[in-house]
Every structure is written in C-alpha cells, then in structure tokens.
Amino acid sequence: MNILRCTSNKLGFLVLGLWKTYCPESDLRHPEDRLQESDGVRIARRNNLALAGIVIVAFAAGTEPQQLEVFGVNPIGERGVITICITIFACHAYWYFMRWQHLLDDANILIYSSTQSIPPQPLRYDEPRMYSQKSAALYANRVCFMLVLMSFVILIIWGFDVMTSNGHMSK
C-alpha cells in the first residue's frame, strides 16, 4: 500500500483521491497541513457510492438489467441495456469531474501553525506545496473508487452479455 502514500500527480490526487499526500517538486508544508473538502466534493462522492452500490447489489442479487429502473427508465432489449450502461458510465465520470471542480472552487488547505493563526488557504491559489487528505476522506475515496470500478466491470458484463444473446440476458 506504500505506492498509494504519495503522488506527484495533482490531477490524479484531486480527481480520484486515492493517495494520502500530494508531493510536488517543492517541499513547502508542515506535516499537519490538510486538504479540507467542500460539501460539493462529499455530495459527488456520495452519488458515485450510491449508484455503484445499486449496480453491485442488483448484479449480486441476480437482477437482469431489463428488470432495473434507472433514472425512471426500464431498459428494453439490447439498445435499452446498452443505453443504461453508457448512462451509468457517464454519471460516474461526471461525478468524478464534479469532485475535481468542487475541489478547485471550494476546497481549502488547512495550514498548520503553532505560533500564529493562519486562515485556510483556497486550493485554487495554492502554490506547488505538499498537502495531505484527512484519513476519513482518503478511505471514503478509496472505497468509492473500488465500488465504481466494480460497477464498470458489471456494466461491461451486462452490455457484453446482452449483445451476445440477442437482446436477452443469458441464464
């Protein structure tokens, strides 16, 4: 798990949130500096968790995609299943994009200071300095990523299965 400790990839750190620390070339920071997520970031993660969880539970329960009602739509035949699968893929991607946007717009870096009061600094004005995630956010991001990945695999299985069986899931 040491590979997930630190990354120099700011985009990957912000979008996926899988690494504990962002480590740019510059080593400006205190070990207690933390990235403070906004409500929008948590909402985007919650939406991804919920949608991925529904897909995983439906698959585990043996539900066929034609039996699901996704966003008020019941998929019928090959075209319906493929449309729903693509829509769920797009929603996951959108919520990761929104996570990134909310971080850039609303996230703050909590600067550690033992001698003076330093207000939180907006992430968008941040110079290349090192910062870390709070542990709860880090683990929530990792769980979200794993569930979204499982959801993608299930969607691919459903799409492939319906395309190879002429519009109906094979038993």
N, C-alpha and C. Protein backbone atom coordinates (compact mmCIF):
# COMPACT_ATOMS: atom_id res chain seq x y z
N MET A 1 0.82 -1.19 0.00
CA MET A 1 0.00 0.00 0.00
C MET A 1 0.87 1.26 0.00
N ASN A 2 2.18 1.10 0.10
CA ASN A 2 3.08 2.23 0.12
C ASN A 2 3.01 3.06 -1.15
N ILE A 3 2.66 2.44 -2.28
CA ILE A 3 2.55 3.16 -3.54
C ILE A 3 1.42 4.20 -3.50
N LEU A 4 0.44 3.99 -2.63
CA LEU A 4 -0.67 4.93 -2.52
C LEU A 4 -0.43 6.00 -1.47
N ARG A 5 0.74 6.04 -0.91
CA ARG A 5 1.04 7.00 0.15
C ARG A 5 1.21 8.42 -0.41
N CYS A 6 1.93 8.55 -1.52
CA CYS A 6 2.28 9.87 -2.04
C CYS A 6 2.28 9.85 -3.57
N THR A 7 1.82 10.94 -4.18
CA THR A 7 1.85 11.06 -5.63
C THR A 7 2.27 12.47 -6.02
N SER A 8 2.92 12.59 -7.16
CA SER A 8 3.25 13.90 -7.70
C SER A 8 2.25 14.31 -8.77
N ASN A 9 1.21 13.49 -8.98
CA ASN A 9 0.19 13.75 -9.99
C ASN A 9 -0.98 14.50 -9.32
N LYS A 10 -1.00 15.82 -9.47
CA LYS A 10 -2.03 16.64 -8.81
C LYS A 10 -3.43 16.31 -9.33
N LEU A 11 -3.57 16.12 -10.66
CA LEU A 11 -4.88 15.81 -11.23
C LEU A 11 -5.40 14.48 -10.66
N GLY A 12 -4.55 13.45 -10.64
CA GLY A 12 -4.95 12.16 -10.08
C GLY A 12 -5.28 12.25 -8.61
N PHE A 13 -4.50 13.03 -7.88
CA PHE A 13 -4.75 13.22 -6.45
C PHE A 13 -6.11 13.86 -6.22
N LEU A 14 -6.42 14.89 -7.01
CA LEU A 14 -7.69 15.61 -6.80
C LEU A 14 -8.89 14.84 -7.33
N VAL A 15 -8.77 14.23 -8.50
CA VAL A 15 -9.94 13.55 -9.10
C VAL A 15 -10.26 12.25 -8.37
N LEU A 16 -9.26 11.40 -8.16
CA LEU A 16 -9.51 10.09 -7.57
C LEU A 16 -9.38 10.09 -6.06
N GLY A 17 -8.46 10.87 -5.53
CA GLY A 17 -8.29 10.94 -4.09
C GLY A 17 -7.76 9.67 -3.46
N LEU A 18 -6.99 8.87 -4.19
CA LEU A 18 -6.53 7.57 -3.70
C LEU A 18 -5.25 7.67 -2.87
N TRP A 19 -4.53 8.79 -3.00
CA TRP A 19 -3.25 8.93 -2.32
C TRP A 19 -3.40 9.77 -1.07
N LYS A 20 -2.65 9.47 -0.05
CA LYS A 20 -2.69 10.23 1.21
C LYS A 20 -2.12 11.63 1.01
N THR A 21 -1.03 11.75 0.23
CA THR A 21 -0.32 13.02 0.15
C THR A 21 0.01 13.37 -1.29
N TYR A 22 -0.11 14.64 -1.61
CA TYR A 22 0.36 15.17 -2.88
C TYR A 22 1.77 15.70 -2.65
N CYS A 23 2.73 15.23 -3.44
CA CYS A 23 4.14 15.57 -3.25
C CYS A 23 4.71 16.23 -4.50
N PRO A 24 4.59 17.54 -4.63
CA PRO A 24 5.17 18.21 -5.79
C PRO A 24 6.68 18.35 -5.63
N GLU A 25 7.31 18.99 -6.60
CA GLU A 25 8.76 19.23 -6.53
C GLU A 25 9.11 20.03 -5.28
N SER A 26 8.30 21.02 -4.98
CA SER A 26 8.54 21.86 -3.81
C SER A 26 8.10 21.12 -2.56
N ASP A 27 8.84 21.26 -1.49
CA ASP A 27 8.53 20.55 -0.25
C ASP A 27 7.99 21.51 0.81
N LEU A 28 7.26 22.54 0.36
CA LEU A 28 6.71 23.51 1.29
C LEU A 28 5.47 22.95 1.97
N ARG A 29 5.58 22.68 3.24
CA ARG A 29 4.41 22.29 4.02
C ARG A 29 4.82 21.86 5.40
N HIS A 30 3.85 21.78 6.24
CA HIS A 30 4.02 21.21 7.57
C HIS A 30 3.30 19.86 7.55
N PRO A 31 3.79 18.88 8.29
CA PRO A 31 3.14 17.56 8.26
C PRO A 31 1.67 17.56 8.67
N GLU A 32 1.22 18.63 9.32
CA GLU A 32 -0.18 18.70 9.75
C GLU A 32 -1.09 19.48 8.79
N ASP A 33 -0.57 19.99 7.68
CA ASP A 33 -1.42 20.66 6.69
C ASP A 33 -2.39 19.63 6.10
N ARG A 34 -3.66 20.01 5.95
CA ARG A 34 -4.67 19.08 5.45
C ARG A 34 -5.54 19.73 4.40
N LEU A 35 -5.99 18.92 3.46
CA LEU A 35 -6.95 19.34 2.44
C LEU A 35 -8.34 19.24 3.05
N GLN A 36 -9.08 20.33 3.03
CA GLN A 36 -10.44 20.34 3.57
C GLN A 36 -11.42 20.33 2.41
N GLU A 37 -12.16 19.21 2.26
CA GLU A 37 -13.13 19.07 1.18
C GLU A 37 -14.37 19.92 1.44
N SER A 38 -14.97 20.37 0.37
CA SER A 38 -16.23 21.11 0.49
C SER A 38 -17.41 20.14 0.47
N ASP A 39 -18.60 20.67 0.73
CA ASP A 39 -19.80 19.83 0.69
C ASP A 39 -20.02 19.24 -0.70
N GLY A 40 -19.72 20.01 -1.75
CA GLY A 40 -19.91 19.52 -3.11
C GLY A 40 -19.08 18.28 -3.41
N VAL A 41 -17.87 18.23 -2.86
CA VAL A 41 -17.00 17.07 -3.05
C VAL A 41 -17.62 15.84 -2.41
N ARG A 42 -18.12 16.01 -1.20
CA ARG A 42 -18.73 14.88 -0.49
C ARG A 42 -20.02 14.42 -1.18
N ILE A 43 -20.77 15.36 -1.73
CA ILE A 43 -22.00 15.00 -2.45
C ILE A 43 -21.67 14.21 -3.71
N ALA A 44 -20.66 14.64 -4.46
CA ALA A 44 -20.26 13.92 -5.68
C ALA A 44 -19.81 12.50 -5.33
N ARG A 45 -19.04 12.35 -4.25
CA ARG A 45 -18.58 11.02 -3.82
C ARG A 45 -19.78 10.17 -3.38
N ARG A 46 -20.69 10.77 -2.64
CA ARG A 46 -21.88 10.03 -2.19
C ARG A 46 -22.71 9.55 -3.37
N ASN A 47 -22.88 10.39 -4.39
CA ASN A 47 -23.64 9.98 -5.58
C ASN A 47 -22.96 8.80 -6.27
N ASN A 48 -21.64 8.85 -6.42
CA ASN A 48 -20.91 7.74 -7.04
C ASN A 48 -21.05 6.47 -6.20
N LEU A 49 -20.94 6.61 -4.88
CA LEU A 49 -21.09 5.44 -4.00
C LEU A 49 -22.48 4.82 -4.13
N ALA A 50 -23.51 5.67 -4.14
CA ALA A 50 -24.88 5.17 -4.21
C ALA A 50 -25.16 4.46 -5.53
N LEU A 51 -24.78 5.07 -6.63
CA LEU A 51 -25.05 4.46 -7.94
C LEU A 51 -24.26 3.16 -8.11
N ALA A 52 -22.99 3.18 -7.72
CA ALA A 52 -22.18 1.95 -7.82
C ALA A 52 -22.75 0.87 -6.91
N GLY A 53 -23.17 1.24 -5.72
CA GLY A 53 -23.76 0.27 -4.80
C GLY A 53 -25.02 -0.37 -5.36
N ILE A 54 -25.86 0.42 -6.00
CA ILE A 54 -27.09 -0.12 -6.60
C ILE A 54 -26.75 -1.12 -7.69
N VAL A 55 -25.80 -0.79 -8.55
CA VAL A 55 -25.41 -1.69 -9.64
C VAL A 55 -24.85 -3.00 -9.07
N ILE A 56 -23.99 -2.89 -8.07
CA ILE A 56 -23.37 -4.08 -7.48
C ILE A 56 -24.41 -4.96 -6.78
N VAL A 57 -25.29 -4.36 -6.02
CA VAL A 57 -26.33 -5.15 -5.33
C VAL A 57 -27.27 -5.80 -6.33
N ALA A 58 -27.66 -5.08 -7.37
CA ALA A 58 -28.54 -5.66 -8.39
C ALA A 58 -27.87 -6.85 -9.06
N PHE A 59 -26.60 -6.73 -9.37
CA PHE A 59 -25.87 -7.84 -10.00
C PHE A 59 -25.76 -9.02 -9.05
N ALA A 60 -25.42 -8.75 -7.78
CA ALA A 60 -25.26 -9.82 -6.79
C ALA A 60 -26.59 -10.53 -6.52
N ALA A 61 -27.68 -9.81 -6.65
CA ALA A 61 -29.00 -10.40 -6.42
C ALA A 61 -29.51 -11.16 -7.64
N GLY A 62 -28.75 -11.13 -8.74
CA GLY A 62 -29.16 -11.85 -9.93
C GLY A 62 -30.15 -11.10 -10.80
N THR A 63 -30.27 -9.81 -10.58
CA THR A 63 -31.19 -9.00 -11.35
C THR A 63 -30.63 -8.76 -12.74
N GLU A 64 -31.47 -8.89 -13.74
CA GLU A 64 -31.08 -8.57 -15.10
C GLU A 64 -31.26 -7.08 -15.31
N PRO A 65 -30.46 -6.48 -16.18
CA PRO A 65 -30.59 -5.03 -16.37
C PRO A 65 -31.97 -4.61 -16.89
N GLN A 66 -32.67 -5.52 -17.59
CA GLN A 66 -34.02 -5.18 -18.06
C GLN A 66 -35.01 -5.06 -16.90
N GLN A 67 -34.66 -5.61 -15.75
CA GLN A 67 -35.54 -5.53 -14.59
C GLN A 67 -35.31 -4.27 -13.76
N LEU A 68 -34.24 -3.57 -14.04
CA LEU A 68 -33.91 -2.36 -13.29
C LEU A 68 -34.69 -1.16 -13.80
N GLU A 69 -34.94 -0.24 -12.92
CA GLU A 69 -35.45 1.06 -13.33
C GLU A 69 -34.37 2.06 -12.96
N VAL A 70 -33.70 2.58 -13.98
CA VAL A 70 -32.60 3.51 -13.77
C VAL A 70 -33.04 4.88 -14.25
N PHE A 71 -33.04 5.84 -13.34
CA PHE A 71 -33.47 7.21 -13.64
C PHE A 71 -34.88 7.22 -14.24
N GLY A 72 -35.73 6.32 -13.77
CA GLY A 72 -37.11 6.27 -14.23
C GLY A 72 -37.31 5.54 -15.55
N VAL A 73 -36.28 4.86 -16.04
CA VAL A 73 -36.36 4.18 -17.34
C VAL A 73 -36.11 2.70 -17.14
N ASN A 74 -36.97 1.89 -17.74
CA ASN A 74 -36.75 0.44 -17.77
C ASN A 74 -36.17 0.09 -19.14
N PRO A 75 -34.95 -0.43 -19.17
CA PRO A 75 -34.33 -0.76 -20.46
C PRO A 75 -35.02 -1.96 -21.11
N ILE A 76 -35.28 -1.85 -22.40
CA ILE A 76 -35.90 -2.93 -23.15
C ILE A 76 -34.94 -3.33 -24.27
N GLY A 77 -34.60 -4.60 -24.31
CA GLY A 77 -33.75 -5.12 -25.38
C GLY A 77 -32.32 -4.63 -25.31
N GLU A 78 -31.59 -4.95 -26.37
CA GLU A 78 -30.16 -4.64 -26.43
C GLU A 78 -29.92 -3.13 -26.36
N ARG A 79 -30.66 -2.37 -27.14
CA ARG A 79 -30.47 -0.92 -27.18
C ARG A 79 -30.72 -0.29 -25.81
N GLY A 80 -31.74 -0.72 -25.12
CA GLY A 80 -32.06 -0.18 -23.79
C GLY A 80 -30.97 -0.47 -22.78
N VAL A 81 -30.47 -1.71 -22.77
CA VAL A 81 -29.42 -2.08 -21.82
C VAL A 81 -28.13 -1.32 -22.11
N ILE A 82 -27.76 -1.24 -23.38
CA ILE A 82 -26.53 -0.51 -23.75
C ILE A 82 -26.68 0.97 -23.37
N THR A 83 -27.84 1.55 -23.60
CA THR A 83 -28.08 2.95 -23.25
C THR A 83 -27.94 3.16 -21.75
N ILE A 84 -28.53 2.28 -20.96
CA ILE A 84 -28.44 2.40 -19.50
C ILE A 84 -26.99 2.24 -19.04
N CYS A 85 -26.28 1.27 -19.60
CA CYS A 85 -24.87 1.06 -19.22
C CYS A 85 -24.03 2.29 -19.53
N ILE A 86 -24.22 2.87 -20.71
CA ILE A 86 -23.46 4.07 -21.09
C ILE A 86 -23.84 5.24 -20.19
N THR A 87 -25.11 5.35 -19.86
CA THR A 87 -25.57 6.43 -18.98
C THR A 87 -24.94 6.32 -17.60
N ILE A 88 -24.87 5.11 -17.06
CA ILE A 88 -24.26 4.93 -15.74
C ILE A 88 -22.77 5.22 -15.80
N PHE A 89 -22.08 4.77 -16.85
CA PHE A 89 -20.68 5.13 -17.06
C PHE A 89 -20.52 6.66 -17.04
N ALA A 90 -21.37 7.33 -17.81
CA ALA A 90 -21.29 8.79 -17.92
C ALA A 90 -21.55 9.47 -16.58
N CYS A 91 -22.48 8.95 -15.81
CA CYS A 91 -22.76 9.54 -14.49
C CYS A 91 -21.56 9.41 -13.56
N HIS A 92 -20.93 8.23 -13.55
CA HIS A 92 -19.73 8.06 -12.73
C HIS A 92 -18.65 9.06 -13.15
N ALA A 93 -18.42 9.19 -14.44
CA ALA A 93 -17.40 10.12 -14.94
C ALA A 93 -17.76 11.56 -14.58
N TYR A 94 -19.03 11.90 -14.72
CA TYR A 94 -19.50 13.26 -14.39
C TYR A 94 -19.26 13.57 -12.92
N TRP A 95 -19.56 12.62 -12.04
CA TRP A 95 -19.39 12.90 -10.62
C TRP A 95 -17.92 12.99 -10.23
N TYR A 96 -17.04 12.27 -10.91
CA TYR A 96 -15.61 12.46 -10.67
C TYR A 96 -15.17 13.84 -11.18
N PHE A 97 -15.70 14.26 -12.33
CA PHE A 97 -15.39 15.58 -12.85
C PHE A 97 -15.89 16.66 -11.89
N MET A 98 -17.10 16.47 -11.36
CA MET A 98 -17.64 17.45 -10.41
C MET A 98 -16.85 17.47 -9.12
N ARG A 99 -16.34 16.34 -8.68
CA ARG A 99 -15.48 16.30 -7.50
C ARG A 99 -14.28 17.22 -7.72
N TRP A 100 -13.64 17.08 -8.88
CA TRP A 100 -12.48 17.90 -9.23
C TRP A 100 -12.85 19.38 -9.25
N GLN A 101 -13.97 19.72 -9.89
CA GLN A 101 -14.40 21.11 -9.97
C GLN A 101 -14.67 21.70 -8.58
N HIS A 102 -15.35 20.94 -7.74
CA HIS A 102 -15.64 21.42 -6.38
C HIS A 102 -14.36 21.59 -5.56
N LEU A 103 -13.41 20.70 -5.75
CA LEU A 103 -12.14 20.86 -5.05
C LEU A 103 -11.45 22.14 -5.49
N LEU A 104 -11.39 22.37 -6.80
CA LEU A 104 -10.72 23.57 -7.29
C LEU A 104 -11.43 24.85 -6.85
N ASP A 105 -12.75 24.83 -6.81
CA ASP A 105 -13.52 26.03 -6.48
C ASP A 105 -13.67 26.27 -4.98
N ASP A 106 -13.86 25.20 -4.21
CA ASP A 106 -14.29 25.39 -2.83
C ASP A 106 -13.38 24.79 -1.76
N ALA A 107 -12.43 23.94 -2.14
CA ALA A 107 -11.60 23.29 -1.13
C ALA A 107 -10.59 24.28 -0.55
N ASN A 108 -10.21 24.03 0.68
CA ASN A 108 -9.21 24.83 1.37
C ASN A 108 -8.08 23.94 1.86
N ILE A 109 -6.94 24.56 2.04
CA ILE A 109 -5.83 23.87 2.69
C ILE A 109 -5.74 24.44 4.09
N LEU A 110 -5.86 23.57 5.08
CA LEU A 110 -5.74 23.99 6.47
C LEU A 110 -4.26 24.01 6.81
N ILE A 111 -3.72 25.20 6.97
CA ILE A 111 -2.30 25.38 7.23
C ILE A 111 -2.06 25.24 8.73
N TYR A 112 -1.16 24.35 9.08
CA TYR A 112 -0.81 24.16 10.48
C TYR A 112 0.06 25.33 10.95
N SER A 113 -0.29 25.85 12.11
CA SER A 113 0.52 26.93 12.68
C SER A 113 0.48 26.82 14.19
N SER A 114 1.65 26.77 14.80
CA SER A 114 1.70 26.71 16.26
C SER A 114 1.96 28.08 16.87
N THR A 115 2.35 29.06 16.05
CA THR A 115 2.70 30.37 16.60
C THR A 115 1.70 31.46 16.24
N GLN A 116 1.01 31.30 15.13
CA GLN A 116 0.06 32.34 14.72
C GLN A 116 -1.14 31.70 14.05
N SER A 117 -2.21 32.43 13.99
CA SER A 117 -3.42 31.92 13.36
C SER A 117 -3.34 32.18 11.85
N ILE A 118 -3.31 31.13 11.07
CA ILE A 118 -3.27 31.25 9.61
C ILE A 118 -4.61 30.76 9.08
N PRO A 119 -5.36 31.61 8.37
CA PRO A 119 -6.66 31.17 7.85
C PRO A 119 -6.48 30.10 6.77
N PRO A 120 -7.51 29.28 6.54
CA PRO A 120 -7.42 28.30 5.46
C PRO A 120 -7.16 28.98 4.13
N GLN A 121 -6.32 28.35 3.32
CA GLN A 121 -5.96 28.91 2.02
C GLN A 121 -6.73 28.19 0.92
N PRO A 122 -7.33 28.92 -0.03
CA PRO A 122 -8.04 28.26 -1.13
C PRO A 122 -7.08 27.40 -1.95
N LEU A 123 -7.54 26.24 -2.35
CA LEU A 123 -6.72 25.33 -3.14
C LEU A 123 -6.36 25.94 -4.49
N ARG A 124 -7.28 26.70 -5.09
CA ARG A 124 -7.03 27.25 -6.43
C ARG A 124 -5.89 28.26 -6.44
N TYR A 125 -5.55 28.86 -5.29
CA TYR A 125 -4.44 29.80 -5.21
C TYR A 125 -3.18 29.16 -4.68
N ASP A 126 -3.23 27.86 -4.54
CA ASP A 126 -2.12 27.15 -3.93
C ASP A 126 -0.91 27.12 -4.83
N GLU A 127 0.24 27.48 -4.27
CA GLU A 127 1.49 27.29 -4.98
C GLU A 127 1.84 25.81 -4.89
N PRO A 128 2.85 25.36 -5.60
CA PRO A 128 3.16 23.92 -5.55
C PRO A 128 3.70 23.50 -4.19
N ARG A 129 2.79 23.26 -3.28
CA ARG A 129 3.18 22.83 -1.94
C ARG A 129 2.57 21.48 -1.65
N MET A 130 3.17 20.77 -0.75
CA MET A 130 2.71 19.45 -0.38
C MET A 130 1.49 19.58 0.55
N TYR A 131 0.50 18.69 0.38
CA TYR A 131 -0.62 18.65 1.32
C TYR A 131 -1.19 17.25 1.36
N SER A 132 -1.96 16.97 2.40
CA SER A 132 -2.48 15.62 2.64
C SER A 132 -3.98 15.65 2.82
N GLN A 133 -4.58 14.49 2.64
CA GLN A 133 -6.01 14.34 2.88
C GLN A 133 -6.25 13.90 4.32
N LYS A 134 -7.42 14.23 4.82
CA LYS A 134 -7.84 13.68 6.11
C LYS A 134 -8.09 12.20 5.90
N SER A 135 -7.85 11.41 6.93
CA SER A 135 -7.95 9.95 6.80
C SER A 135 -9.35 9.49 6.38
N ALA A 136 -10.39 10.09 6.94
CA ALA A 136 -11.76 9.67 6.60
C ALA A 136 -12.03 9.88 5.12
N ALA A 137 -11.61 11.03 4.58
CA ALA A 137 -11.81 11.31 3.15
C ALA A 137 -10.99 10.35 2.30
N LEU A 138 -9.77 10.06 2.73
CA LEU A 138 -8.91 9.15 1.97
C LEU A 138 -9.56 7.78 1.84
N TYR A 139 -10.03 7.22 2.94
CA TYR A 139 -10.63 5.88 2.89
C TYR A 139 -11.97 5.89 2.16
N ALA A 140 -12.75 6.95 2.30
CA ALA A 140 -14.01 7.06 1.56
C ALA A 140 -13.73 7.11 0.06
N ASN A 141 -12.69 7.85 -0.35
CA ASN A 141 -12.34 7.93 -1.77
C ASN A 141 -11.88 6.58 -2.31
N ARG A 142 -11.13 5.84 -1.52
CA ARG A 142 -10.66 4.51 -1.96
C ARG A 142 -11.82 3.53 -2.09
N VAL A 143 -12.73 3.55 -1.13
CA VAL A 143 -13.91 2.67 -1.22
C VAL A 143 -14.75 3.06 -2.43
N CYS A 144 -14.94 4.35 -2.64
CA CYS A 144 -15.72 4.82 -3.79
C CYS A 144 -15.08 4.35 -5.09
N PHE A 145 -13.77 4.50 -5.22
CA PHE A 145 -13.08 4.08 -6.43
C PHE A 145 -13.26 2.58 -6.68
N MET A 146 -13.13 1.77 -5.64
CA MET A 146 -13.27 0.32 -5.79
C MET A 146 -14.71 -0.04 -6.21
N LEU A 147 -15.70 0.59 -5.61
CA LEU A 147 -17.09 0.31 -5.97
C LEU A 147 -17.40 0.77 -7.40
N VAL A 148 -16.88 1.92 -7.79
CA VAL A 148 -17.10 2.39 -9.16
C VAL A 148 -16.42 1.45 -10.15
N LEU A 149 -15.23 0.99 -9.82
CA LEU A 149 -14.53 0.03 -10.68
C LEU A 149 -15.34 -1.27 -10.81
N MET A 150 -15.88 -1.77 -9.70
CA MET A 150 -16.73 -2.97 -9.75
C MET A 150 -17.98 -2.70 -10.58
N SER A 151 -18.56 -1.51 -10.44
CA SER A 151 -19.73 -1.14 -11.23
C SER A 151 -19.40 -1.15 -12.72
N PHE A 152 -18.23 -0.61 -13.10
CA PHE A 152 -17.81 -0.62 -14.50
C PHE A 152 -17.70 -2.05 -15.03
N VAL A 153 -17.12 -2.93 -14.24
CA VAL A 153 -16.98 -4.33 -14.67
C VAL A 153 -18.36 -4.96 -14.88
N ILE A 154 -19.26 -4.71 -13.96
CA ILE A 154 -20.62 -5.27 -14.07
C ILE A 154 -21.33 -4.71 -15.30
N LEU A 155 -21.19 -3.42 -15.55
CA LEU A 155 -21.82 -2.82 -16.73
C LEU A 155 -21.27 -3.41 -18.01
N ILE A 156 -19.97 -3.66 -18.05
CA ILE A 156 -19.37 -4.30 -19.22
C ILE A 156 -19.90 -5.72 -19.38
N ILE A 157 -20.01 -6.45 -18.29
CA ILE A 157 -20.56 -7.82 -18.35
C ILE A 157 -21.98 -7.78 -18.86
N TRP A 158 -22.81 -6.88 -18.31
CA TRP A 158 -24.20 -6.78 -18.76
C TRP A 158 -24.27 -6.41 -20.24
N GLY A 159 -23.51 -5.42 -20.66
CA GLY A 159 -23.54 -5.00 -22.05
C GLY A 159 -23.08 -6.10 -22.99
N PHE A 160 -21.99 -6.76 -22.64
CA PHE A 160 -21.47 -7.85 -23.47
C PHE A 160 -22.47 -9.01 -23.53
N ASP A 161 -23.05 -9.34 -22.37
CA ASP A 161 -23.99 -10.46 -22.30
C ASP A 161 -25.24 -10.19 -23.15
N VAL A 162 -25.77 -8.99 -23.08
CA VAL A 162 -26.99 -8.68 -23.83
C VAL A 162 -26.70 -8.59 -25.33
N MET A 163 -25.50 -8.14 -25.71
CA MET A 163 -25.17 -8.06 -27.14
C MET A 163 -24.93 -9.43 -27.74
N THR A 164 -24.42 -10.37 -26.95
CA THR A 164 -24.14 -11.71 -27.48
C THR A 164 -25.33 -12.65 -27.37
N SER A 165 -26.39 -12.20 -26.71
CA SER A 165 -27.56 -13.08 -26.58
C SER A 165 -28.81 -12.48 -27.20
N ASN A 166 -28.64 -11.58 -28.17
CA ASN A 166 -29.74 -11.05 -28.97
C ASN A 166 -30.79 -10.33 -28.15
N GLY A 167 -30.37 -9.46 -27.23
CA GLY A 167 -31.32 -8.62 -26.51
C GLY A 167 -31.80 -9.19 -25.20
N HIS A 168 -31.46 -10.42 -24.86
CA HIS A 168 -31.91 -11.01 -23.63
C HIS A 168 -30.70 -11.57 -22.87
N MET A 169 -30.72 -11.40 -21.58
CA MET A 169 -29.61 -11.90 -20.76
C MET A 169 -29.64 -13.42 -20.77
N SER A 170 -28.46 -14.01 -20.84
CA SER A 170 -28.39 -15.48 -20.80
C SER A 170 -28.52 -15.96 -19.37
N LYS A 171 -29.08 -17.09 -19.22
CA LYS A 171 -29.30 -17.67 -17.88
C LYS A 171 -28.15 -18.56 -17.50
